[in-house]
Protein backbone atom coordinates (compact mmCIF):
# COMPACT_ATOMS: atom_id res chain seq x y z
CA MET A 1 14.37 12.21 69.91
CA ARG A 2 16.88 13.84 67.49
CA LEU A 3 15.71 17.18 66.59
CA VAL A 4 17.48 19.28 63.80
CA SER A 5 17.10 22.57 61.59
CA TYR A 6 17.56 21.63 58.06
CA ILE A 7 17.76 23.27 54.80
CA ARG A 8 16.00 22.32 51.99
CA GLY A 9 14.83 24.54 48.86
CA GLY A 10 16.77 27.41 50.63
CA GLU A 11 14.43 27.33 53.62
CA THR A 12 15.44 26.36 57.13
CA ARG A 13 13.05 24.08 58.64
CA ALA A 14 12.38 22.34 62.05
CA GLY A 15 12.90 18.67 61.83
CA LEU A 16 12.73 15.31 63.60
CA VAL A 17 15.03 12.59 62.54
CA VAL A 18 13.37 9.14 62.77
CA LYS A 19 15.18 6.37 60.98
CA GLU A 20 17.14 7.63 58.10
CA PHE A 21 14.24 10.23 57.40
CA VAL A 22 13.70 13.95 58.56
CA LEU A 23 10.33 14.82 59.27
CA ASP A 24 8.87 18.42 58.74
CA LEU A 25 7.45 19.23 62.03
CA GLU A 26 5.31 21.90 60.95
CA LYS A 27 4.04 19.90 58.05
CA ALA A 28 3.51 16.67 60.02
CA SER A 29 1.68 18.63 62.98
CA SER A 30 -0.93 20.00 60.37
CA ASP A 31 -1.34 16.40 59.09
CA GLU A 32 -4.97 14.98 59.60
CA ARG A 33 -3.51 11.50 60.64
CA LEU A 34 -1.41 13.20 63.35
CA ARG A 35 -4.07 15.79 64.11
CA ALA A 36 -6.18 12.70 65.39
CA GLN A 37 -3.47 11.63 67.55
CA GLY A 38 -3.77 14.67 69.40
CA VAL A 39 -0.65 16.46 68.09
CA LYS A 40 -0.91 20.38 68.31
CA PRO A 41 0.18 22.60 65.42
CA LEU A 42 3.92 23.09 65.73
CA PRO A 43 5.85 26.39 64.29
CA GLY A 44 8.48 25.92 61.62
CA SER A 45 11.71 26.90 63.84
CA LEU A 46 13.22 24.83 66.45
CA LYS A 47 13.71 27.75 68.71
CA GLU A 48 9.99 28.43 68.59
CA ILE A 49 9.18 25.06 69.57
CA LEU A 50 11.31 25.19 72.28
CA GLU A 51 9.49 28.33 73.27
CA GLN A 52 6.45 26.16 73.53
CA GLY A 53 7.93 24.29 76.33
CA GLU A 54 6.88 20.72 77.41
CA GLU A 55 3.87 21.13 75.26
CA GLY A 56 6.07 21.79 72.06
CA LEU A 57 8.35 18.87 72.64
CA ALA A 58 5.41 16.62 73.77
CA ALA A 59 4.08 17.32 70.27
CA CYS A 60 7.23 16.18 68.72
CA SER A 61 7.29 13.20 70.70
CA ARG A 62 3.85 12.10 69.45
CA VAL A 63 5.01 12.76 65.84
CA GLN A 64 7.98 10.46 66.61
CA SER A 65 5.72 7.65 68.14
CA TYR A 66 3.37 7.64 65.24
CA LEU A 67 6.04 7.36 62.61
CA SER A 68 8.14 4.85 64.44
CA GLY A 69 5.13 2.59 64.22
CA LEU A 70 5.29 2.73 60.54
CA PRO A 71 7.51 0.82 57.86
CA GLU A 72 9.58 3.38 56.07
CA GLU A 73 7.85 2.69 52.73
CA GLN A 74 4.81 4.02 54.38
CA PHE A 75 6.19 7.36 55.65
CA PRO A 76 4.09 10.28 54.34
CA ALA A 77 6.28 11.89 51.28
CA ASP A 78 4.67 15.33 51.94
CA PHE A 79 6.40 15.64 54.93
CA CYS A 80 9.40 12.97 55.15
CA VAL A 81 12.49 13.45 53.24
CA PRO A 82 15.67 10.94 53.44
CA LEU A 83 18.27 12.48 55.68
CA ARG A 84 20.93 12.24 52.93
CA ASP A 85 18.92 14.78 50.74
CA VAL A 86 18.88 17.48 53.13
CA LYS A 87 21.62 19.86 54.56
CA LEU A 88 21.83 20.22 58.29
CA ALA A 89 22.06 23.77 59.96
CA PRO A 90 23.03 24.30 63.62
CA PRO A 91 20.44 22.74 65.58
CA VAL A 92 19.36 26.23 66.88
CA PRO A 93 20.62 28.67 64.03
CA ASP A 94 19.34 31.64 65.82
CA PRO A 95 20.09 31.48 69.89
CA GLN A 96 19.94 34.82 71.65
CA LYS A 97 23.23 34.00 73.15
CA ILE A 98 26.11 31.43 73.39
CA ILE A 99 27.83 30.94 76.62
CA CYS A 100 30.91 29.38 76.94
CA ILE A 101 33.31 27.73 79.51
CA GLY A 102 36.91 27.74 79.67
CA MET A 103 39.31 25.37 81.40
CA ASN A 104 36.31 23.15 82.50
CA TYR A 105 38.17 19.70 82.12
CA ARG A 106 40.74 18.35 84.80
CA ASP A 107 42.95 16.84 82.05
CA HIS A 108 42.90 20.26 79.93
CA CYS A 109 44.05 21.98 83.30
CA GLU A 110 46.89 19.52 83.51
CA GLU A 111 48.15 19.79 80.22
CA GLN A 112 48.54 23.65 80.73
CA LYS A 113 50.02 23.15 84.17
CA LYS A 114 47.61 25.24 85.66
CA PRO A 115 45.47 24.52 88.99
CA LEU A 116 41.71 23.80 88.64
CA PRO A 117 39.72 27.12 88.55
CA GLU A 118 37.94 28.22 91.74
CA LYS A 119 34.84 29.37 89.67
CA PRO A 120 33.89 29.03 86.12
CA ILE A 121 35.56 31.09 83.40
CA ILE A 122 32.76 32.59 81.13
CA PHE A 123 33.23 34.15 77.87
CA ALA A 124 30.92 34.34 74.85
CA LYS A 125 30.77 33.33 71.04
CA PHE A 126 28.67 35.36 68.94
CA PRO A 127 26.04 33.60 66.99
CA THR A 128 27.14 34.58 63.65
CA ALA A 129 29.96 32.08 64.37
CA LEU A 130 27.62 29.18 64.08
CA ILE A 131 27.76 26.73 61.15
CA GLY A 132 26.36 23.17 60.75
CA HIS A 133 27.45 19.66 60.14
CA ASN A 134 29.61 19.23 57.13
CA ASP A 135 29.91 23.07 56.94
CA SER A 136 33.47 24.36 56.39
CA ILE A 137 35.65 26.07 59.01
CA VAL A 138 37.02 28.90 57.29
CA LYS A 139 40.78 30.05 58.47
CA PRO A 140 40.94 33.73 58.31
CA PRO A 141 44.15 35.42 57.26
CA LEU A 142 44.29 37.30 60.65
CA THR A 143 45.57 33.97 62.46
CA ASP A 144 48.08 31.46 62.05
CA LYS A 145 47.23 29.32 65.03
CA MET A 146 43.57 28.14 64.63
CA ASP A 147 42.87 25.33 66.95
CA TYR A 148 39.99 22.89 67.79
CA GLU A 149 38.01 22.33 70.79
CA ALA A 150 35.69 19.39 71.39
CA GLU A 151 32.75 20.48 73.64
CA LEU A 152 29.35 19.28 74.90
CA GLY A 153 26.80 21.86 74.08
CA VAL A 154 23.79 22.44 76.65
CA VAL A 155 20.55 23.80 74.68
CA ILE A 156 18.00 25.64 77.05
CA GLY A 157 14.41 24.78 77.02
CA LYS A 158 12.78 26.99 79.67
CA ARG A 159 13.46 30.33 80.66
CA GLY A 160 14.83 31.01 83.99
CA ARG A 161 16.74 33.26 86.28
CA ASN A 162 18.33 32.35 89.38
CA ILE A 163 17.89 28.89 88.96
CA SER A 164 18.79 26.43 91.66
CA GLU A 165 21.26 23.78 91.07
CA GLU A 166 18.78 21.22 91.96
CA ASP A 167 16.33 22.66 89.44
CA ALA A 168 18.86 23.22 86.61
CA LEU A 169 18.27 20.48 84.24
CA SER A 170 14.36 20.94 84.14
CA HIS A 171 15.51 24.03 82.28
CA VAL A 172 17.65 21.97 79.75
CA ALA A 173 15.89 20.78 76.27
CA GLY A 174 18.93 18.54 75.31
CA TYR A 175 22.45 18.39 74.13
CA THR A 176 24.52 18.85 71.06
CA ILE A 177 28.08 18.80 69.90
CA VAL A 178 30.15 21.79 69.68
CA ASN A 179 33.65 22.64 68.20
CA ASP A 180 34.84 25.79 69.97
CA VAL A 181 37.41 26.83 67.27
CA SER A 182 40.06 29.23 68.43
CA ALA A 183 42.52 31.49 67.00
CA ARG A 184 44.96 31.07 69.79
CA ASP A 185 47.46 33.99 68.75
CA ILE A 186 44.60 36.52 68.85
CA GLN A 187 43.16 34.95 71.89
CA PHE A 188 46.38 35.15 74.10
CA SER A 189 47.37 38.39 72.64
CA ASP A 190 44.08 40.07 73.31
CA GLY A 191 44.01 39.22 77.08
CA GLN A 192 40.38 38.11 76.70
CA TRP A 193 38.93 35.48 74.60
CA VAL A 194 35.83 36.76 72.71
CA ARG A 195 37.81 38.11 69.42
CA GLY A 196 39.79 34.79 69.07
CA LYS A 197 36.89 32.62 69.46
CA SER A 198 34.12 34.45 67.56
CA PHE A 199 35.27 34.65 63.87
CA ASP A 200 32.61 33.61 61.59
CA THR A 201 32.49 29.77 61.17
CA PHE A 202 34.27 29.30 64.52
CA CYS A 203 31.12 27.66 65.90
CA PRO A 204 30.32 24.38 64.26
CA ALA A 205 27.36 22.70 66.21
CA GLY A 206 25.16 19.61 65.54
CA PRO A 207 24.39 17.44 63.96
CA TYR A 208 21.27 17.05 66.31
CA LEU A 209 19.79 18.31 69.43
CA VAL A 210 19.44 15.33 71.47
CA THR A 211 16.47 15.65 73.95
CA LYS A 212 17.75 14.84 77.63
CA ASP A 213 15.56 11.98 77.89
CA GLU A 214 18.10 9.85 75.54
CA ALA A 215 21.04 11.32 77.43
CA PRO A 216 19.95 11.42 81.06
CA ASP A 217 23.28 11.76 82.56
CA PRO A 218 25.41 14.46 81.15
CA GLN A 219 28.15 13.68 83.21
CA ASN A 220 28.81 10.66 81.84
CA LEU A 221 29.39 11.00 78.09
CA SER A 222 32.49 9.83 76.03
CA ILE A 223 33.93 12.79 73.99
CA ARG A 224 36.37 12.10 71.30
CA LEU A 225 38.07 14.51 68.74
CA THR A 226 39.67 13.25 65.60
CA LEU A 227 41.79 15.28 63.12
CA ASN A 228 42.13 13.59 59.77
CA GLY A 229 41.16 10.27 61.33
CA GLU A 230 43.77 10.48 63.93
CA VAL A 231 42.51 10.77 67.75
CA ARG A 232 43.44 13.94 69.20
CA GLN A 233 40.90 14.42 72.21
CA SER A 234 39.91 11.40 74.07
CA SER A 235 37.98 12.06 77.39
CA ASN A 236 34.67 11.82 79.34
CA THR A 237 32.20 14.48 80.71
CA ALA A 238 32.79 13.21 84.18
CA ASN A 239 36.03 15.13 84.03
CA MET A 240 34.33 18.19 84.08
CA VAL A 241 35.59 20.65 86.98
CA PHE A 242 31.89 22.13 87.04
CA SER A 243 28.87 19.98 86.22
CA VAL A 244 26.35 21.17 83.58
CA ALA A 245 23.62 21.62 86.49
CA PHE A 246 26.03 23.93 88.28
CA LEU A 247 26.73 25.76 85.23
CA VAL A 248 23.14 26.27 84.13
CA SER A 249 22.45 27.80 88.03
CA TYR A 250 25.63 29.81 88.13
CA ILE A 251 25.19 31.56 84.87
CA SER A 252 21.23 32.10 85.53
CA LYS A 253 22.41 34.23 88.77
CA VAL A 254 23.93 36.69 86.00
CA CYS A 255 21.53 36.70 83.08
CA THR A 256 18.19 35.17 82.02
CA LEU A 257 18.46 31.99 80.18
CA LEU A 258 15.98 31.92 77.23
CA PRO A 259 15.04 29.06 74.99
CA GLY A 260 17.47 28.24 72.31
CA ASP A 261 20.29 29.64 74.19
CA MET A 262 23.48 27.31 74.17
CA ILE A 263 26.12 26.81 76.85
CA SER A 264 29.34 25.42 75.53
CA THR A 265 30.67 23.60 78.50
CA GLY A 266 34.34 23.38 77.86
CA THR A 267 37.10 21.04 76.39
CA PRO A 268 39.12 18.20 77.32
CA GLY A 269 42.94 17.84 77.20
CA GLY A 270 44.46 17.38 73.82
CA VAL A 271 44.00 20.80 71.95
CA GLY A 272 46.45 21.53 69.69
CA VAL A 273 48.26 24.39 71.14
CA PHE A 274 49.54 22.52 74.07
CA ARG A 275 50.90 19.52 71.87
CA ASP A 276 54.71 19.27 71.33
CA PRO A 277 55.14 20.26 68.77
CA PRO A 278 51.77 22.40 68.61
CA VAL A 279 49.29 21.28 65.84
CA PHE A 280 46.97 24.10 64.30
CA LEU A 281 44.22 23.57 61.60
CA LYS A 282 44.91 24.06 57.89
CA GLU A 283 43.26 23.97 54.74
CA GLY A 284 42.52 20.37 53.71
CA ASP A 285 41.92 19.13 57.46
CA VAL A 286 39.06 17.34 58.54
CA VAL A 287 37.68 17.67 62.29
CA SER A 288 35.35 15.28 63.57
CA ILE A 289 33.72 15.29 67.16
CA GLU A 290 31.81 12.21 68.65
CA ILE A 291 29.90 12.33 71.89
CA GLY A 292 28.13 9.18 73.41
CA LYS A 293 24.44 9.24 72.39
CA LEU A 294 24.71 12.62 70.56
CA GLY A 295 26.27 11.54 67.15
CA THR A 296 29.15 12.82 65.30
CA LEU A 297 29.72 16.36 64.00
CA THR A 298 32.17 16.86 61.29
CA ASN A 299 33.70 19.86 59.41
CA PRO A 300 36.45 20.32 56.81
CA VAL A 301 38.80 23.33 56.92
CA VAL A 302 39.33 25.82 54.06
CA GLU A 303 41.35 28.98 53.67
CA GLU A 304 39.37 32.22 53.46
CA LYS A 305 39.56 33.31 49.71
């Protein structure tokens, strides 16, 4: 399934993408036709749906099954709107935490001429950095070296602590695309990474939360970033140093992972700061990230006014 948070009429709602339509999950689950199919009531927020666990995702799946069997002209207008008519927010706009991993691709370590890390490098981005598909990345006046980083985002679906690596993927709801935008001058001068990576708009995510049944192997997904149409990063999640399952387990030994939490799993080689000459984001640029089975996340760049 492709789950989304979408904005229409100034309200953020949980939705499901079927064909080229977005279905309002709360409204759909209250429809008599779907209630007859055994669909239980769903809340209006995607994080609240994830908090329902397998029951919530199963209800979403029943909604999808019902609508997928109808021709588009029969989609109920009271809870279906064309995808082109809505604005997509980050899939989970209100995660409790965003946990990021540094130097987690072999080719990224190679371009820095650094050895592979012996254990995951962990830092955080603040949830206020989140923006959605087609939202603008805003270059703040504090940095002259704003960089892009294409990353696979892992969205937690089941609460857990001290999770075993073998059981880790059962705690994952699905995957999304993340751009770990970074102010390199601030990142390197601070000696730690949080400030340089947590400016508002520095965490584009989306367009969808793709459930793990549609991407059963997170270690075999193509990942590519283009800047103004030119390929800058091209790799595969098979090149990760630490797998998704390992990371979920490793992080859960420190903190409880909650439904809606997001883990951004690191970037491959090709980032701007290590190019010769370096390439940094500027007003007018357009960054697009494509990850196999997850869609494409696109964001323009503007200067802060």
